[in-house]
Amino acid sequence: MRNFISAVACVILSVSGCAAGKINLSDTGEIKVDVHHAEAMHIEEVSIYEVEGGIEVTGLVRRHQHSVPSKGTIQIQVIGPNGAVLIVENAEYAITGRMDFLPPKRILSGIGREEDKFSKQIRIIPPRGSSVLLTLKNAELR
């Protein structure tokens, strides 16, 4: 019985180790990340992973203003080392939370999220030295 449990534990550890072994190409310097923020929002925690047949760009959109829900588009441009735009894709985000001041003590109370994760698979493997430009477009405050 102990051998069976040990074998199962080894399989679980080896599988989870493989799944967590994705390499962030922006951390290794193979791909540079540039971000253009909007007035009320910003993009952070951007990662670029090589996946089958392309790359996956992931990150987080956060807002600065805490009063209204927000939604919009992130334009993702993959730019080659020579400056040529290789491909342009879009990813959507929606921030549904709002922050309210509650009387009488003016306590800041959060309802919903103040951020949204995004992920976009792009069907191109850019050459080393390329960059990915992320631009917030149509940032709508409602």
Protein backbone atom coordinates (compact mmCIF):
# COMPACT_ATOMS: atom_id res chain seq x y z
CA MET A 1 0.00 0.00 0.00
CA ARG A 2 2.82 2.43 0.82
CA ASN A 3 4.46 1.69 -2.52
CA PHE A 4 1.20 2.49 -4.32
CA ILE A 5 0.80 5.81 -2.45
CA SER A 6 4.44 6.69 -3.14
CA ALA A 7 4.00 5.92 -6.83
CA VAL A 8 0.86 8.07 -7.06
CA ALA A 9 2.60 10.94 -5.24
CA CYS A 10 5.57 10.74 -7.65
CA VAL A 11 3.27 10.85 -10.67
CA ILE A 12 1.36 13.85 -9.27
CA LEU A 13 4.56 15.73 -8.46
CA SER A 14 6.12 15.05 -11.84
CA VAL A 15 2.99 16.09 -13.74
CA SER A 16 2.54 19.28 -11.71
CA GLY A 17 6.23 20.07 -12.13
CA CYS A 18 5.89 19.85 -15.91
CA ALA A 19 2.81 22.05 -15.95
CA ALA A 20 4.52 24.74 -13.91
CA GLY A 21 7.64 24.64 -16.09
CA LYS A 22 6.50 27.22 -18.65
CA ILE A 23 9.22 29.76 -19.38
CA ASN A 24 8.29 33.44 -19.50
CA LEU A 25 10.03 34.70 -22.67
CA SER A 26 9.95 38.29 -21.40
CA ASP A 27 11.82 37.26 -18.23
CA THR A 28 14.54 35.56 -20.29
CA GLY A 29 14.95 38.64 -22.50
CA GLU A 30 13.98 36.81 -25.70
CA ILE A 31 10.96 39.10 -26.16
CA LYS A 32 10.69 42.66 -24.85
CA VAL A 33 7.38 43.98 -23.46
CA ASP A 34 6.23 47.57 -23.95
CA VAL A 35 2.98 48.85 -22.43
CA HIS A 36 0.97 51.99 -23.23
CA HIS A 37 -1.40 52.70 -20.35
CA ALA A 38 -4.69 54.62 -20.45
CA GLU A 39 -5.42 57.56 -18.16
CA ALA A 40 -7.67 55.55 -15.83
CA MET A 41 -6.08 52.09 -16.20
CA HIS A 42 -2.81 50.24 -16.48
CA ILE A 43 -1.52 46.83 -17.53
CA GLU A 44 0.81 44.84 -15.30
CA GLU A 45 2.17 41.34 -14.66
CA VAL A 46 2.60 40.68 -18.39
CA SER A 47 3.97 37.25 -19.30
CA ILE A 48 4.71 35.73 -22.70
CA TYR A 49 4.86 31.96 -23.04
CA GLU A 50 5.63 29.85 -26.07
CA VAL A 51 2.75 27.48 -26.79
CA GLU A 52 2.15 25.04 -29.61
CA GLY A 53 2.22 27.03 -32.84
CA GLY A 54 2.67 30.45 -31.26
CA ILE A 55 2.83 32.49 -28.08
CA GLU A 56 0.40 33.26 -25.26
CA VAL A 57 0.32 36.78 -23.82
CA THR A 58 -1.17 37.08 -20.34
CA GLY A 59 -1.49 39.89 -17.85
CA LEU A 60 -3.67 41.97 -15.60
CA VAL A 61 -5.62 45.19 -16.25
CA ARG A 62 -6.15 47.39 -13.20
CA ARG A 63 -7.89 50.71 -12.93
CA HIS A 64 -6.90 53.86 -11.08
CA GLN A 65 -10.39 55.32 -10.68
CA HIS A 66 -12.48 53.38 -8.19
CA SER A 67 -16.00 54.53 -8.95
CA VAL A 68 -17.30 52.86 -12.10
CA PRO A 69 -17.07 49.55 -13.97
CA SER A 70 -14.74 49.53 -16.97
CA LYS A 71 -14.38 47.52 -20.13
CA GLY A 72 -12.35 47.73 -23.28
CA THR A 73 -9.78 46.19 -25.58
CA ILE A 74 -6.07 45.57 -25.35
CA GLN A 75 -4.32 45.82 -28.71
CA ILE A 76 -1.39 43.40 -28.88
CA GLN A 77 1.23 44.08 -31.55
CA VAL A 78 4.10 41.68 -32.15
CA ILE A 79 7.01 43.66 -33.61
CA GLY A 80 10.04 41.98 -35.15
CA PRO A 81 13.64 42.90 -34.31
CA ASN A 82 13.77 45.06 -37.47
CA GLY A 83 10.74 47.13 -36.33
CA ALA A 84 8.21 45.56 -38.71
CA VAL A 85 4.79 44.74 -37.24
CA LEU A 86 4.39 40.97 -37.57
CA ILE A 87 0.80 40.63 -36.33
CA VAL A 88 -1.88 42.62 -34.47
CA GLU A 89 -4.46 40.93 -32.21
CA ASN A 90 -6.98 42.13 -29.62
CA ALA A 91 -7.91 40.88 -26.15
CA GLU A 92 -10.98 42.01 -24.21
CA TYR A 93 -11.25 42.89 -20.52
CA ALA A 94 -14.09 43.85 -18.16
CA ILE A 95 -13.71 45.24 -14.65
CA THR A 96 -17.01 44.91 -12.83
CA GLY A 97 -16.26 46.18 -9.34
CA ARG A 98 -16.86 49.57 -7.82
CA MET A 99 -15.65 51.27 -4.69
CA ASP A 100 -18.00 53.28 -2.47
CA PHE A 101 -17.43 55.50 0.54
CA LEU A 102 -19.86 54.43 3.25
CA PRO A 103 -20.93 57.06 5.82
CA PRO A 104 -20.43 58.00 8.60
CA LYS A 105 -16.78 56.91 8.89
CA ARG A 106 -15.99 57.15 5.15
CA ILE A 107 -14.94 53.51 4.94
CA LEU A 108 -13.82 52.39 1.51
CA SER A 109 -15.92 49.36 0.63
CA GLY A 110 -15.15 47.17 -2.39
CA ILE A 111 -17.81 45.43 -4.43
CA GLY A 112 -16.62 43.13 -7.23
CA ARG A 113 -13.21 43.25 -8.87
CA GLU A 114 -10.85 46.15 -9.49
CA GLU A 115 -8.86 44.17 -12.05
CA ASP A 116 -9.29 41.63 -14.81
CA LYS A 117 -6.92 39.00 -16.15
CA PHE A 118 -6.45 38.64 -19.87
CA SER A 119 -4.93 35.93 -22.02
CA LYS A 120 -4.50 35.81 -25.77
CA GLN A 121 -2.93 33.11 -27.91
CA ILE A 122 -1.24 34.46 -31.02
CA ARG A 123 -0.40 32.17 -33.92
CA ILE A 124 3.16 33.35 -34.51
CA ILE A 125 6.50 32.50 -32.97
CA PRO A 126 8.42 35.77 -33.10
CA PRO A 127 12.19 35.71 -33.61
CA ARG A 128 14.49 36.45 -30.69
CA GLY A 129 14.79 40.20 -30.12
CA SER A 130 11.15 40.90 -31.01
CA SER A 131 8.87 42.96 -28.82
CA VAL A 132 5.21 42.86 -27.83
CA LEU A 133 3.44 46.21 -27.53
CA LEU A 134 0.27 46.28 -25.40
CA THR A 135 -2.02 49.30 -25.76
CA LEU A 136 -5.29 49.90 -23.92
CA LYS A 137 -7.93 50.86 -26.50
CA ASN A 138 -11.58 51.86 -26.07
CA ALA A 139 -11.14 52.12 -22.29
CA GLU A 140 -14.76 52.78 -21.41
CA LEU A 141 -15.68 53.99 -17.95
CA ARG A 142 -19.37 53.42 -17.24
